[in-house]
Amino acid sequence: GVFDEDNPTSENWINVMTARMPATESLKDTCSRVLPIIRYGLSPRILRGETVLISAHANTIRSLLYHLDDKVTKEGMKGVKIPSAKPFIMTFEGGGGG
């Protein structure tokens, strides 16, 4: 097939996107990827007192916790256990997070 940016199902588009994806992602990579989402997406909503629902992989949740919870340290975040398919609720007092 012909590469068509407007058709994400075209075989060449899928091959190009697959080639750009890393084979693995470290916790450090995940933290770097998640930071702009926190800064520009989540934090403003949390500060406004909105309820935010996040569905994510364990390393993404660890990264969120690291940036939002002052008690989670860089050294300790690897040890944070994130259970599968179990809701995790975080609340913030005063409309703001850490």
C-alpha atoms as a PDB file:
ATOM      1  CA  GLY A   1       0.000   0.000   0.000  1.00  0.00           C
ATOM      2  CA  VAL A   2       0.822   3.634  -0.361  1.00  0.00           C
ATOM      3  CA  PHE A   3       1.840   5.644   2.725  1.00  0.00           C
ATOM      4  CA  ASP A   4      -1.190   7.713   3.654  1.00  0.00           C
ATOM      5  CA  GLU A   5      -0.986   9.878   6.801  1.00  0.00           C
ATOM      6  CA  ASP A   6      -4.757  10.296   6.785  1.00  0.00           C
ATOM      7  CA  ASN A   7      -5.331   6.538   6.832  1.00  0.00           C
ATOM      8  CA  PRO A   8      -3.864   5.076  10.043  1.00  0.00           C
ATOM      9  CA  THR A   9      -4.853   1.582   8.953  1.00  0.00           C
ATOM     10  CA  SER A  10      -2.601   1.622   5.874  1.00  0.00           C
ATOM     11  CA  GLU A  11       0.137  -1.002   6.138  1.00  0.00           C
ATOM     12  CA  ASN A  12       2.986   1.468   5.596  1.00  0.00           C
ATOM     13  CA  TRP A  13       1.647   3.837   8.277  1.00  0.00           C
ATOM     14  CA  ILE A  14       1.516   0.966  10.757  1.00  0.00           C
ATOM     15  CA  ASN A  15       5.071  -0.053   9.814  1.00  0.00           C
ATOM     16  CA  VAL A  16       6.357   3.528  10.254  1.00  0.00           C
ATOM     17  CA  MET A  17       4.700   3.896  13.669  1.00  0.00           C
ATOM     18  CA  THR A  18       5.920   0.479  14.819  1.00  0.00           C
ATOM     19  CA  ALA A  19       9.487   1.387  13.798  1.00  0.00           C
ATOM     20  CA  ARG A  20       9.291   4.533  15.981  1.00  0.00           C
ATOM     21  CA  MET A  21       8.167   2.656  19.096  1.00  0.00           C
ATOM     22  CA  PRO A  22      10.857   1.637  21.557  1.00  0.00           C
ATOM     23  CA  ALA A  23      11.146  -2.087  22.271  1.00  0.00           C
ATOM     24  CA  THR A  24      11.142  -1.328  26.001  1.00  0.00           C
ATOM     25  CA  GLU A  25      10.523   1.609  28.296  1.00  0.00           C
ATOM     26  CA  SER A  26      12.352   2.161  31.561  1.00  0.00           C
ATOM     27  CA  LEU A  27      10.777   3.721  34.623  1.00  0.00           C
ATOM     28  CA  LYS A  28      12.882   6.828  33.905  1.00  0.00           C
ATOM     29  CA  ASP A  29      11.485   6.965  30.341  1.00  0.00           C
ATOM     30  CA  THR A  30       7.961   6.605  31.704  1.00  0.00           C
ATOM     31  CA  CYS A  31       8.522   9.448  34.195  1.00  0.00           C
ATOM     32  CA  SER A  32       9.752  11.704  31.395  1.00  0.00           C
ATOM     33  CA  ARG A  33       6.770  10.812  29.211  1.00  0.00           C
ATOM     34  CA  VAL A  34       4.240  11.311  32.021  1.00  0.00           C
ATOM     35  CA  LEU A  35       5.542  14.661  33.351  1.00  0.00           C
ATOM     36  CA  PRO A  36       3.952  16.864  30.636  1.00  0.00           C
ATOM     37  CA  ILE A  37       0.650  15.031  31.094  1.00  0.00           C
ATOM     38  CA  ILE A  38       0.775  15.808  34.810  1.00  0.00           C
ATOM     39  CA  ARG A  39       1.927  19.392  34.355  1.00  0.00           C
ATOM     40  CA  TYR A  40      -0.510  20.417  31.620  1.00  0.00           C
ATOM     41  CA  GLY A  41      -3.352  17.915  31.948  1.00  0.00           C
ATOM     42  CA  LEU A  42      -3.785  16.655  35.491  1.00  0.00           C
ATOM     43  CA  SER A  43      -2.425  19.376  37.766  1.00  0.00           C
ATOM     44  CA  PRO A  44      -4.701  22.154  36.464  1.00  0.00           C
ATOM     45  CA  ARG A  45      -7.727  19.904  36.933  1.00  0.00           C
ATOM     46  CA  ILE A  46      -6.645  18.799  40.408  1.00  0.00           C
ATOM     47  CA  LEU A  47      -6.042  22.426  41.422  1.00  0.00           C
ATOM     48  CA  ARG A  48      -9.577  23.278  40.257  1.00  0.00           C
ATOM     49  CA  GLY A  49     -10.882  20.492  42.491  1.00  0.00           C
ATOM     50  CA  GLU A  50     -12.040  18.311  39.595  1.00  0.00           C
ATOM     51  CA  THR A  51     -12.275  14.540  39.804  1.00  0.00           C
ATOM     52  CA  VAL A  52      -9.865  12.840  37.402  1.00  0.00           C
ATOM     53  CA  LEU A  53     -10.028   9.204  36.298  1.00  0.00           C
ATOM     54  CA  ILE A  54      -6.836   7.565  35.083  1.00  0.00           C
ATOM     55  CA  SER A  55      -6.506   4.080  33.659  1.00  0.00           C
ATOM     56  CA  ALA A  56      -2.848   3.195  33.206  1.00  0.00           C
ATOM     57  CA  HIS A  57      -0.064   0.614  33.371  1.00  0.00           C
ATOM     58  CA  ALA A  58       1.773   0.119  36.680  1.00  0.00           C
ATOM     59  CA  ASN A  59       4.906   2.080  35.691  1.00  0.00           C
ATOM     60  CA  THR A  60       2.771   4.995  34.549  1.00  0.00           C
ATOM     61  CA  ILE A  61       0.949   4.968  37.889  1.00  0.00           C
ATOM     62  CA  ARG A  62       4.295   4.797  39.738  1.00  0.00           C
ATOM     63  CA  SER A  63       5.433   7.837  37.765  1.00  0.00           C
ATOM     64  CA  LEU A  64       2.234   9.694  38.609  1.00  0.00           C
ATOM     65  CA  LEU A  65       2.670   8.895  42.292  1.00  0.00           C
ATOM     66  CA  TYR A  66       6.302  10.044  42.211  1.00  0.00           C
ATOM     67  CA  HIS A  67       5.282  13.438  40.821  1.00  0.00           C
ATOM     68  CA  LEU A  68       2.100  13.888  42.866  1.00  0.00           C
ATOM     69  CA  ASP A  69       2.945  12.373  46.269  1.00  0.00           C
ATOM     70  CA  ASP A  70       5.830  13.883  48.230  1.00  0.00           C
ATOM     71  CA  LYS A  71       6.221  10.624  50.200  1.00  0.00           C
ATOM     72  CA  VAL A  72       7.204   8.626  47.085  1.00  0.00           C
ATOM     73  CA  THR A  73      10.941   9.038  46.495  1.00  0.00           C
ATOM     74  CA  LYS A  74      12.950   8.288  43.379  1.00  0.00           C
ATOM     75  CA  GLU A  75      14.624   5.403  45.218  1.00  0.00           C
ATOM     76  CA  GLY A  76      11.371   4.076  46.629  1.00  0.00           C
ATOM     77  CA  MET A  77       9.156   4.256  43.556  1.00  0.00           C
ATOM     78  CA  LYS A  78      10.377   0.937  42.131  1.00  0.00           C
ATOM     79  CA  GLY A  79       9.128  -0.769  45.265  1.00  0.00           C
ATOM     80  CA  VAL A  80       5.619   0.695  45.053  1.00  0.00           C
ATOM     81  CA  LYS A  81       3.257  -2.209  44.414  1.00  0.00           C
ATOM     82  CA  ILE A  82       0.453  -1.451  41.969  1.00  0.00           C
ATOM     83  CA  PRO A  83      -2.173  -4.216  41.984  1.00  0.00           C
ATOM     84  CA  SER A  84      -3.763  -5.145  38.656  1.00  0.00           C
ATOM     85  CA  ALA A  85      -7.447  -4.403  38.045  1.00  0.00           C
ATOM     86  CA  LYS A  86      -7.932  -2.860  41.480  1.00  0.00           C
ATOM     87  CA  PRO A  87      -9.027   0.765  41.876  1.00  0.00           C
ATOM     88  CA  PHE A  88      -6.534   3.097  43.506  1.00  0.00           C
ATOM     89  CA  ILE A  89      -7.965   6.346  44.833  1.00  0.00           C
ATOM     90  CA  MET A  90      -5.901   9.417  45.600  1.00  0.00           C
ATOM     91  CA  THR A  91      -7.416  12.495  47.196  1.00  0.00           C
ATOM     92  CA  PHE A  92      -6.005  15.986  47.597  1.00  0.00           C
ATOM     93  CA  GLU A  93      -6.892  18.441  50.310  1.00  0.00           C
ATOM     94  CA  GLY A  94      -7.261  22.098  49.491  1.00  0.00           C
ATOM     95  CA  GLY A  95      -7.573  21.474  45.758  1.00  0.00           C
ATOM     96  CA  GLY A  96      -3.895  20.812  45.169  1.00  0.00           C
ATOM     97  CA  GLY A  97      -1.341  18.062  44.959  1.00  0.00           C
ATOM     98  CA  GLY A  98       2.310  17.680  45.748  1.00  0.00           C
END
